[in-house]
């Protein structure tokens, strides 16, 4: 009997020790066999929606200064070179004007010659008029003193000189017009800036001959008012142009960088959204003009990486976008929430499957994109939390509706560094076994 009691006592002690050890062992085993997840917390802060594009920096307007006349370049004014600032009416270069000066002198002499000829004809006309008066006086004294033929000669000589005087006036006008043309050509030998700006390119040197025939030769290219304003010409995809128009109405800003100064951030504003579309390989884009302040670091022709600020929210509850991209396995989800995954699996995205949707379906699909699912961990399962989102950027999305609190950890991915040693049990099978 005593021996039996001893055995019972020994078994009771061993059972107590086993019970004490079993709890931690089971907890350790569950931790080792349960999938671990990466998480990110809900926070408060700024969320902004942007549209990214690329563009080219250009002056407000590019003016090409050329030569209307031909000839060798006699001189280029001092200080006129690349990047030189110029003013309206400033002399840039001088074309050799010897031939044009000679033509002007010739036309001046022609005007004087025609005016002298007019005086000669005018004097002859006065003489003819006097002769006609004397002839009339003789006829009044006696009809026989002057025959009809002689009278006609006197009268028609006067009329002929009157016609010659009119021709002389026309000849003078023609000579004066030729003189004005010669003077203009002399003026065209002076190459003058027509705008305020900066010389972007100089294409000629002293001694070079420019030939103006069917096309005006280019001598200088001037960027207008580069000390006041610069433009960035961007090409925006048709899918984003509506957002750009909204941003312009709301006076949203623009930020951009250039490759030459990657650490510097520049700002500007939308000046114009143009409607002349460009189609390249079935991609439709629209030009958007951004104005910015002049800066010594910004050169015409630079490529700008542009960010258009469409809308912004300050101090809002934010959901990490990584949590929106995470999609768990069916076996990792609580049985009650598997319907969310089953729904997405059985509802194909028609826009990606090649099926053409109606306009109403497209609008409904666009509206439905604000309704999403995020996942939180509850024991060994993942639970679904439906949310309604507002603005979003690359890191966060504004939380409009959802049973979530600040600092609540959301699942963003699998923790591969702590992967389970055995697969997670199927929830259906676990339910059957229970």
Protein backbone atom coordinates (compact mmCIF):
# COMPACT_ATOMS: atom_id res chain seq x y z
CA UNK A 1 0.00 0.00 0.00
CA UNK A 2 2.80 2.35 0.90
CA UNK A 3 4.56 1.51 -2.34
CA UNK A 4 1.38 2.33 -4.28
CA UNK A 5 1.08 5.65 -2.48
CA UNK A 6 4.67 6.45 -3.35
CA UNK A 7 3.97 5.79 -7.02
CA UNK A 8 0.89 8.01 -6.94
CA UNK A 9 2.88 10.75 -5.26
CA UNK A 10 5.68 10.44 -7.84
CA UNK A 11 3.24 10.56 -10.73
CA UNK A 12 1.52 13.62 -9.25
CA UNK A 13 4.85 15.42 -8.95
CA UNK A 14 5.82 14.51 -12.49
CA UNK A 15 2.39 15.64 -13.76
CA UNK A 16 2.76 18.99 -12.03
CA UNK A 17 6.20 19.48 -13.50
CA UNK A 18 4.88 18.55 -16.96
CA UNK A 19 1.96 20.95 -16.65
CA UNK A 20 4.30 23.75 -15.58
CA UNK A 21 6.59 23.12 -18.52
CA UNK A 22 3.90 22.50 -21.15
CA UNK A 23 2.49 26.05 -21.12
CA UNK A 24 5.75 27.86 -22.08
CA UNK A 25 6.63 25.08 -24.53
CA UNK A 26 3.28 25.43 -26.31
CA UNK A 27 3.65 29.25 -26.38
CA UNK A 28 7.16 28.93 -27.78
CA UNK A 29 6.00 26.45 -30.39
CA UNK A 30 3.17 28.68 -31.52
CA UNK A 31 5.52 31.61 -31.85
CA UNK A 32 7.89 29.54 -33.89
CA UNK A 33 5.20 28.22 -36.22
CA UNK A 34 3.10 31.47 -36.62
CA UNK A 35 3.87 33.81 -39.54
CA UNK A 36 5.28 37.17 -38.49
CA UNK A 37 4.50 40.36 -40.40
CA UNK A 38 6.01 43.72 -41.15
CA UNK A 39 3.86 46.56 -39.89
CA UNK A 40 3.58 50.34 -40.16
CA UNK A 41 1.58 52.61 -37.91
CA UNK A 42 -1.15 55.06 -38.77
CA UNK A 43 0.05 58.62 -38.24
CA UNK A 44 -0.96 62.23 -38.60
CA UNK A 45 0.60 64.71 -40.97
CA UNK A 46 0.64 66.16 -44.49
CA UNK A 47 -0.69 64.37 -47.59
CA UNK A 48 -0.36 65.86 -51.05
CA UNK A 49 -1.37 64.67 -54.49
CA UNK A 50 1.07 65.46 -57.27
CA UNK A 51 1.58 64.86 -60.99
CA UNK A 52 5.12 64.33 -62.21
CA UNK A 53 6.39 65.27 -65.64
CA UNK A 54 9.46 66.47 -67.50
CA UNK A 55 10.00 69.66 -69.44
CA UNK A 56 12.51 71.99 -71.02
CA UNK A 57 13.59 75.40 -69.73
CA UNK A 58 13.20 78.18 -72.30
CA UNK A 59 13.06 81.99 -72.40
CA UNK A 60 9.70 83.72 -72.60
CA UNK A 61 10.27 84.11 -76.32
CA UNK A 62 13.19 83.37 -78.61
CA UNK A 63 13.91 86.06 -81.23
CA UNK A 64 16.11 85.40 -84.24
CA UNK A 65 17.99 88.47 -85.47
CA UNK A 66 19.01 88.26 -89.11
CA UNK A 67 20.09 90.42 -92.02
CA UNK A 68 17.77 91.78 -94.68
CA UNK A 69 20.69 92.72 -96.95
CA UNK A 70 23.74 90.82 -98.15
CA UNK A 71 27.36 91.66 -97.63
CA UNK A 72 30.44 91.04 -95.49
CA UNK A 73 30.23 91.82 -91.77
CA UNK A 74 32.33 94.94 -91.15
CA UNK A 75 32.23 94.80 -87.36
CA UNK A 76 30.58 93.29 -84.31
CA UNK A 77 30.07 95.70 -81.45
CA UNK A 78 32.17 95.40 -78.34
CA UNK A 79 30.59 93.27 -75.64
CA UNK A 80 28.24 91.49 -78.05
CA UNK A 81 28.87 87.80 -77.47
CA UNK A 82 27.25 84.74 -75.94
CA UNK A 83 25.20 85.55 -72.79
CA UNK A 84 25.52 89.31 -73.38
CA UNK A 85 22.50 91.35 -72.22
CA UNK A 86 21.02 93.62 -74.89
CA UNK A 87 18.44 96.39 -75.04
CA UNK A 88 15.86 97.39 -77.64
CA UNK A 89 17.54 99.42 -80.40
CA UNK A 90 21.08 98.43 -79.38
CA UNK A 91 23.54 98.04 -82.27
CA UNK A 92 24.83 94.48 -82.51
CA UNK A 93 26.81 94.37 -85.77
CA UNK A 94 27.53 96.37 -88.92
CA UNK A 95 27.43 95.01 -92.48
CA UNK A 96 29.74 96.65 -94.99
CA UNK A 97 27.70 99.55 -96.43
CA UNK A 98 29.87 100.91 -99.28
CA UNK A 99 27.63 99.58 -102.04
CA UNK A 100 24.49 100.74 -100.26
CA UNK A 101 25.93 104.20 -99.60
CA UNK A 102 26.82 104.47 -103.30
CA UNK A 103 23.28 103.42 -104.26
CA UNK A 104 21.88 106.06 -101.93
CA UNK A 105 24.10 108.74 -103.48
CA UNK A 106 23.03 107.62 -106.95
CA UNK A 107 19.36 107.86 -106.04
CA UNK A 108 19.88 111.25 -104.41
CA UNK A 109 21.42 112.48 -107.69
CA UNK A 110 18.51 111.00 -109.62
CA UNK A 111 16.05 112.99 -107.48
CA UNK A 112 17.98 116.20 -108.09
CA UNK A 113 18.11 115.45 -111.82
CA UNK A 114 14.36 114.92 -112.02
CA UNK A 115 13.70 118.08 -110.06
CA UNK A 116 15.95 120.06 -112.42
CA UNK A 117 14.17 118.55 -115.42
CA UNK A 118 10.88 119.63 -113.89
CA UNK A 119 12.14 123.20 -113.65
CA UNK A 120 13.18 123.07 -117.32
CA UNK A 121 9.76 121.81 -118.40
CA UNK A 122 8.06 124.36 -116.18
CA UNK A 123 10.02 127.16 -117.87
CA UNK A 124 9.15 125.86 -121.34
CA UNK A 125 5.51 125.64 -120.26
CA UNK A 126 5.53 129.27 -119.18
CA UNK A 127 7.02 130.24 -122.55
CA UNK A 128 4.38 128.18 -124.38
CA UNK A 129 1.60 129.85 -122.39
CA UNK A 130 2.99 133.32 -123.30
CA UNK A 131 3.21 132.29 -126.98
CA UNK A 132 -0.42 131.20 -126.89
CA UNK A 133 -1.50 134.50 -125.34
CA UNK A 134 0.35 136.48 -128.04
CA UNK A 135 -1.24 134.34 -130.77
CA UNK A 136 -4.72 135.06 -129.39
CA UNK A 137 -3.92 138.77 -129.30
CA UNK A 138 -2.91 138.71 -132.98
CA UNK A 139 -6.13 136.90 -133.91
CA UNK A 140 -8.16 139.54 -132.19
CA UNK A 141 -6.36 142.28 -134.17
CA UNK A 142 -6.67 140.51 -137.51
CA UNK A 143 -7.75 136.95 -138.33
CA UNK A 144 -5.34 136.85 -141.22
CA UNK A 145 -2.24 137.42 -139.12
CA UNK A 146 -2.27 133.78 -137.81
CA UNK A 147 -3.40 130.70 -139.68
CA UNK A 148 -5.31 127.88 -137.99
CA UNK A 149 -2.35 125.53 -138.37
CA UNK A 150 0.01 127.97 -136.68
CA UNK A 151 -2.44 128.48 -133.83
CA UNK A 152 -2.80 124.72 -133.31
CA UNK A 153 0.98 124.36 -133.04
CA UNK A 154 1.10 127.02 -130.33
CA UNK A 155 -1.85 125.55 -128.38
CA UNK A 156 -0.75 121.89 -128.54
CA UNK A 157 2.84 122.83 -127.64
CA UNK A 158 1.45 124.28 -124.40
CA UNK A 159 -0.67 121.16 -123.69
CA UNK A 160 2.31 118.87 -124.44
CA UNK A 161 4.48 120.73 -121.93
CA UNK A 162 1.71 120.45 -119.33
CA UNK A 163 1.71 116.68 -119.81
CA UNK A 164 5.51 116.61 -119.57
CA UNK A 165 5.28 118.53 -116.29
CA UNK A 166 2.94 115.83 -114.90
CA UNK A 167 5.41 113.18 -116.05
CA UNK A 168 8.21 115.08 -114.35
CA UNK A 169 6.25 115.05 -111.07
CA UNK A 170 5.77 111.28 -111.38
CA UNK A 171 9.44 110.80 -112.20
CA UNK A 172 10.39 112.77 -109.08
CA UNK A 173 8.12 110.58 -106.93
CA UNK A 174 9.70 107.46 -108.41
CA UNK A 175 13.21 108.80 -107.81
CA UNK A 176 12.31 109.71 -104.23
CA UNK A 177 10.91 106.20 -103.66
CA UNK A 178 14.16 104.72 -104.97
CA UNK A 179 16.03 107.02 -102.60
CA UNK A 180 13.93 105.85 -99.66
CA UNK A 181 14.69 102.24 -100.63
CA UNK A 182 18.40 103.01 -100.73
CA UNK A 183 18.25 104.75 -97.37
CA UNK A 184 16.40 101.74 -95.90
CA UNK A 185 19.07 99.37 -97.23
CA UNK A 186 21.73 101.53 -95.62
CA UNK A 187 19.77 101.27 -92.36
CA UNK A 188 19.50 97.49 -92.73
CA UNK A 189 23.29 97.27 -92.69
CA UNK A 190 23.04 98.07 -88.99
CA UNK A 191 21.95 94.91 -87.12
CA UNK A 192 19.87 96.13 -84.18
CA UNK A 193 18.22 94.26 -81.31
CA UNK A 194 14.42 94.38 -81.44
CA UNK A 195 13.87 93.23 -77.82
CA UNK A 196 15.34 93.38 -74.35
CA UNK A 197 17.00 90.10 -73.48
CA UNK A 198 20.15 88.04 -73.55
CA UNK A 199 22.09 86.64 -76.50
CA UNK A 200 21.72 82.86 -76.44
CA UNK A 201 23.66 82.21 -79.63
CA UNK A 202 25.93 84.20 -81.93
CA UNK A 203 26.30 82.66 -85.38
CA UNK A 204 28.54 85.17 -87.19
CA UNK A 205 32.00 86.74 -86.89
CA UNK A 206 33.68 89.78 -88.36
CA UNK A 207 34.59 89.32 -92.04
CA UNK A 208 31.98 86.63 -92.63
CA UNK A 209 29.67 87.24 -95.59
CA UNK A 210 25.93 86.92 -95.16
CA UNK A 211 23.81 86.27 -98.23
CA UNK A 212 20.18 87.31 -98.04
CA UNK A 213 18.23 85.78 -100.89
CA UNK A 214 15.25 83.48 -100.37
CA UNK A 215 15.83 83.11 -96.61
CA UNK A 216 17.02 85.62 -94.05
CA UNK A 217 20.36 84.47 -92.60
CA UNK A 218 20.41 84.03 -88.82
CA UNK A 219 23.02 86.11 -87.01
CA UNK A 220 21.95 86.24 -83.35
CA UNK A 221 19.38 84.42 -81.23
CA UNK A 222 18.09 86.47 -78.29
CA UNK A 223 16.12 85.17 -75.31
CA UNK A 224 13.61 87.90 -74.49
CA UNK A 225 13.40 89.25 -70.92
CA UNK A 226 15.48 86.47 -69.41
CA UNK A 227 16.25 88.72 -66.46
CA UNK A 228 12.53 88.91 -65.62
CA UNK A 229 11.05 85.48 -66.20
CA UNK A 230 11.81 82.00 -67.53
CA UNK A 231 9.41 79.35 -68.78
CA UNK A 232 9.42 75.57 -68.40
CA UNK A 233 7.57 73.76 -71.18
CA UNK A 234 6.20 70.44 -69.90
CA UNK A 235 4.34 67.64 -71.69
CA UNK A 236 1.55 66.23 -69.53
CA UNK A 237 -0.29 62.99 -70.24
CA UNK A 238 -3.97 63.31 -71.11
CA UNK A 239 -4.89 61.26 -68.03
CA UNK A 240 -3.40 63.98 -65.79
CA UNK A 241 -4.38 67.13 -67.68
CA UNK A 242 -7.65 67.49 -65.75
CA UNK A 243 -5.73 67.57 -62.49
CA UNK A 244 -3.39 70.21 -63.93
CA UNK A 245 -6.34 72.42 -64.91
CA UNK A 246 -7.74 72.09 -61.39
CA UNK A 247 -4.36 72.94 -59.89
CA UNK A 248 -4.14 76.08 -62.04
CA UNK A 249 -7.59 77.23 -60.92
CA UNK A 250 -6.56 76.73 -57.29
CA UNK A 251 -3.20 78.50 -57.82
CA UNK A 252 -1.21 75.46 -56.74
CA UNK A 253 2.55 75.69 -56.94
CA UNK A 254 5.06 73.77 -59.02
CA UNK A 255 8.41 72.35 -57.92
CA UNK A 256 11.17 71.12 -60.18
CA UNK A 257 14.81 70.11 -60.27
CA UNK A 258 17.44 70.11 -63.01
CA UNK A 259 20.16 67.55 -63.55
CA UNK A 260 22.87 70.18 -63.34
CA UNK A 261 21.91 71.01 -59.74
CA UNK A 262 20.23 67.87 -58.37
CA UNK A 263 20.32 69.11 -54.77
CA UNK A 264 18.58 72.41 -55.51
CA UNK A 265 14.80 72.72 -55.58
CA UNK A 266 13.19 75.40 -57.77
CA UNK A 267 9.62 76.66 -57.66
CA UNK A 268 7.18 78.17 -60.12
CA UNK A 269 3.51 78.41 -61.05
CA UNK A 270 1.33 77.22 -63.89
CA UNK A 271 1.07 79.98 -66.49
CA UNK A 272 -0.86 78.26 -69.27
CA UNK A 273 -2.41 74.92 -70.18
CA UNK A 274 -2.44 74.74 -73.96
CA UNK A 275 -4.96 72.72 -75.97
CA UNK A 276 -2.79 71.73 -78.95
CA UNK A 277 -2.36 68.03 -78.30
CA UNK A 278 0.62 66.00 -79.49
CA UNK A 279 0.23 62.29 -80.26
CA UNK A 280 3.33 60.08 -80.17
CA UNK A 281 2.86 56.31 -80.52
CA UNK A 282 -0.79 56.61 -79.45
CA UNK A 283 0.20 58.61 -76.33
CA UNK A 284 -1.57 61.98 -76.17
CA UNK A 285 0.12 64.81 -74.28
CA UNK A 286 -0.64 68.50 -73.78
CA UNK A 287 1.87 71.33 -73.35
CA UNK A 288 1.82 73.09 -69.99
CA UNK A 289 3.81 76.30 -69.51
CA UNK A 290 5.30 76.94 -66.06
CA UNK A 291 6.77 80.33 -65.24
CA UNK A 292 9.62 80.71 -62.79
CA UNK A 293 11.97 83.41 -61.63
CA UNK A 294 15.31 83.85 -63.44
CA UNK A 295 18.23 82.11 -61.81
CA UNK A 296 21.89 81.90 -62.77
CA UNK A 297 21.66 78.13 -62.37
CA UNK A 298 18.89 77.76 -64.95
CA UNK A 299 20.04 77.65 -68.58
CA UNK A 300 17.82 77.47 -71.67
CA UNK A 301 17.55 73.89 -72.88
CA UNK A 302 17.96 72.25 -69.46
CA UNK A 303 15.68 69.30 -68.71
CA UNK A 304 13.44 69.94 -65.71
CA UNK A 305 11.92 67.19 -63.56
CA UNK A 306 8.60 68.76 -62.63
CA UNK A 307 6.17 68.05 -59.80
CA UNK A 308 2.75 69.70 -60.07
CA UNK A 309 1.06 70.09 -56.69
CA UNK A 310 -2.59 69.15 -57.28
CA UNK A 311 -4.03 69.19 -53.76
CA UNK A 312 -2.78 69.08 -50.17
CA UNK A 313 -4.16 68.21 -46.74
CA UNK A 314 -2.47 69.23 -43.51
CA UNK A 315 -2.59 67.35 -40.18
CA UNK A 316 -4.80 64.48 -41.35
CA UNK A 317 -4.84 60.81 -40.33
CA UNK A 318 -2.64 58.95 -42.80
CA UNK A 319 -2.54 55.30 -43.85
CA UNK A 320 0.81 53.99 -45.18
CA UNK A 321 0.43 53.13 -48.86
CA UNK A 322 2.51 49.99 -48.27
CA UNK A 323 -0.44 48.64 -46.24
CA UNK A 324 -2.72 49.21 -49.25
CA UNK A 325 -0.49 47.16 -51.52
CA UNK A 326 -0.33 44.14 -49.22
CA UNK A 327 -2.55 41.17 -50.15
CA UNK A 328 -2.36 38.16 -47.75
CA UNK A 329 -2.78 34.49 -48.52
CA UNK A 330 -6.17 32.98 -47.98
CA UNK A 331 -4.83 30.70 -45.24
CA UNK A 332 -3.53 33.67 -43.25
CA UNK A 333 -6.89 35.43 -43.03
CA UNK A 334 -9.53 34.90 -40.35
CA UNK A 335 -12.43 32.78 -41.69
CA UNK A 336 -14.89 35.67 -41.31
CA UNK A 337 -12.79 37.94 -43.54
CA UNK A 338 -11.95 35.52 -46.33
CA UNK A 339 -14.86 36.96 -48.34
CA UNK A 340 -12.80 40.08 -49.08
CA UNK A 341 -10.13 38.03 -50.83
CA UNK A 342 -12.66 35.81 -52.53
CA UNK A 343 -14.44 38.87 -53.88
CA UNK A 344 -11.30 40.31 -55.42
CA UNK A 345 -10.36 36.92 -56.87
CA UNK A 346 -13.72 36.40 -58.58
CA UNK A 347 -14.12 39.97 -59.90
CA UNK A 348 -11.62 40.52 -62.73
CA UNK A 349 -10.41 44.00 -63.58
CA UNK A 350 -12.01 44.51 -66.97
CA UNK A 351 -9.75 47.42 -67.76
CA UNK A 352 -6.77 45.07 -67.62
CA UNK A 353 -8.40 42.01 -69.14
CA UNK A 354 -9.09 43.72 -72.44
CA UNK A 355 -12.88 43.93 -71.96
CA UNK A 356 -14.20 47.33 -72.96
CA UNK A 357 -16.25 48.87 -70.15
CA UNK A 358 -19.08 51.33 -70.57
CA UNK A 359 -18.69 54.94 -69.49
CA UNK A 360 -20.86 54.31 -66.42
CA UNK A 361 -18.74 51.31 -65.42
CA UNK A 362 -15.56 53.34 -65.76
CA UNK A 363 -16.96 56.09 -63.54
CA UNK A 364 -18.11 53.55 -60.95
CA UNK A 365 -14.70 51.87 -61.03
CA UNK A 366 -12.93 55.22 -60.53
CA UNK A 367 -15.19 56.06 -57.57
CA UNK A 368 -14.67 52.62 -56.06
CA UNK A 369 -10.91 53.00 -55.98
CA UNK A 370 -11.26 55.15 -52.87
CA UNK A 371 -12.65 52.13 -50.98
CA UNK A 372 -9.86 49.78 -49.95
CA UNK A 373 -8.98 47.05 -47.46
CA UNK A 374 -6.14 47.10 -44.95
CA UNK A 375 -5.08 44.25 -42.67
CA UNK A 376 -4.34 44.08 -38.95
CA UNK A 377 -3.03 41.13 -36.95
CA UNK A 378 -5.26 39.51 -34.36
CA UNK A 379 -3.65 36.51 -32.63
CA UNK A 380 -2.42 34.24 -35.43
CA UNK A 381 -4.94 35.61 -37.96
CA UNK A 382 -5.20 38.69 -40.14
CA UNK A 383 -8.41 40.73 -39.91
CA UNK A 384 -9.71 42.99 -42.70
CA UNK A 385 -10.56 46.64 -42.05
CA UNK A 386 -12.49 48.43 -44.83
CA UNK A 387 -11.42 52.07 -45.27
CA UNK A 388 -12.34 55.05 -47.43
CA UNK A 389 -9.38 57.09 -48.62
CA UNK A 390 -8.92 60.65 -49.82
CA UNK A 391 -5.74 62.19 -51.15
CA UNK A 392 -2.74 59.95 -51.59
CA UNK A 393 0.93 60.26 -52.42
CA UNK A 394 3.77 57.77 -52.70
CA UNK A 395 3.98 57.20 -48.94
CA UNK A 396 0.61 57.96 -47.36
CA UNK A 397 -3.12 58.12 -48.09
CA UNK A 398 -5.63 60.28 -46.26
CA UNK A 399 -8.02 58.25 -44.10
CA UNK A 400 -11.63 59.44 -44.51
CA UNK A 401 -13.50 56.50 -42.96
CA UNK A 402 -12.40 53.33 -41.20
CA UNK A 403 -12.33 51.64 -37.80
CA UNK A 404 -8.73 52.58 -37.16
CA UNK A 405 -6.99 54.66 -34.54
CA UNK A 406 -3.76 56.58 -34.60
CA UNK A 407 -0.63 54.45 -33.98
CA UNK A 408 -2.57 51.30 -34.96
CA UNK A 409 -0.09 48.95 -36.70
CA UNK A 410 -1.14 47.84 -40.17
CA UNK A 411 0.36 44.84 -41.92
CA UNK A 412 2.57 45.83 -44.87
CA UNK A 413 4.28 42.55 -45.72
CA UNK A 414 5.74 39.25 -44.55
CA UNK A 415 8.67 39.22 -42.16
CA UNK A 416 10.88 36.80 -44.09
CA UNK A 417 13.60 36.99 -41.45
CA UNK A 418 11.24 35.24 -39.02
CA UNK A 419 9.38 32.88 -41.34
CA UNK A 420 7.47 30.01 -39.68
CA UNK A 421 9.10 26.62 -39.60
CA UNK A 422 5.83 24.93 -40.56
CA UNK A 423 2.96 26.16 -42.74
CA UNK A 424 0.11 28.05 -41.08
CA UNK A 425 -2.88 25.79 -40.59
CA UNK A 426 -5.82 26.08 -42.92
CA UNK A 427 -8.64 27.83 -40.97
CA UNK A 428 -11.27 25.43 -42.35
CA UNK A 429 -9.32 22.40 -41.19
CA UNK A 430 -8.62 23.94 -37.82
CA UNK A 431 -12.30 24.61 -37.40
CA UNK A 432 -13.18 21.02 -38.31
CA UNK A 433 -10.70 19.62 -35.86
CA UNK A 434 -12.09 21.76 -33.10
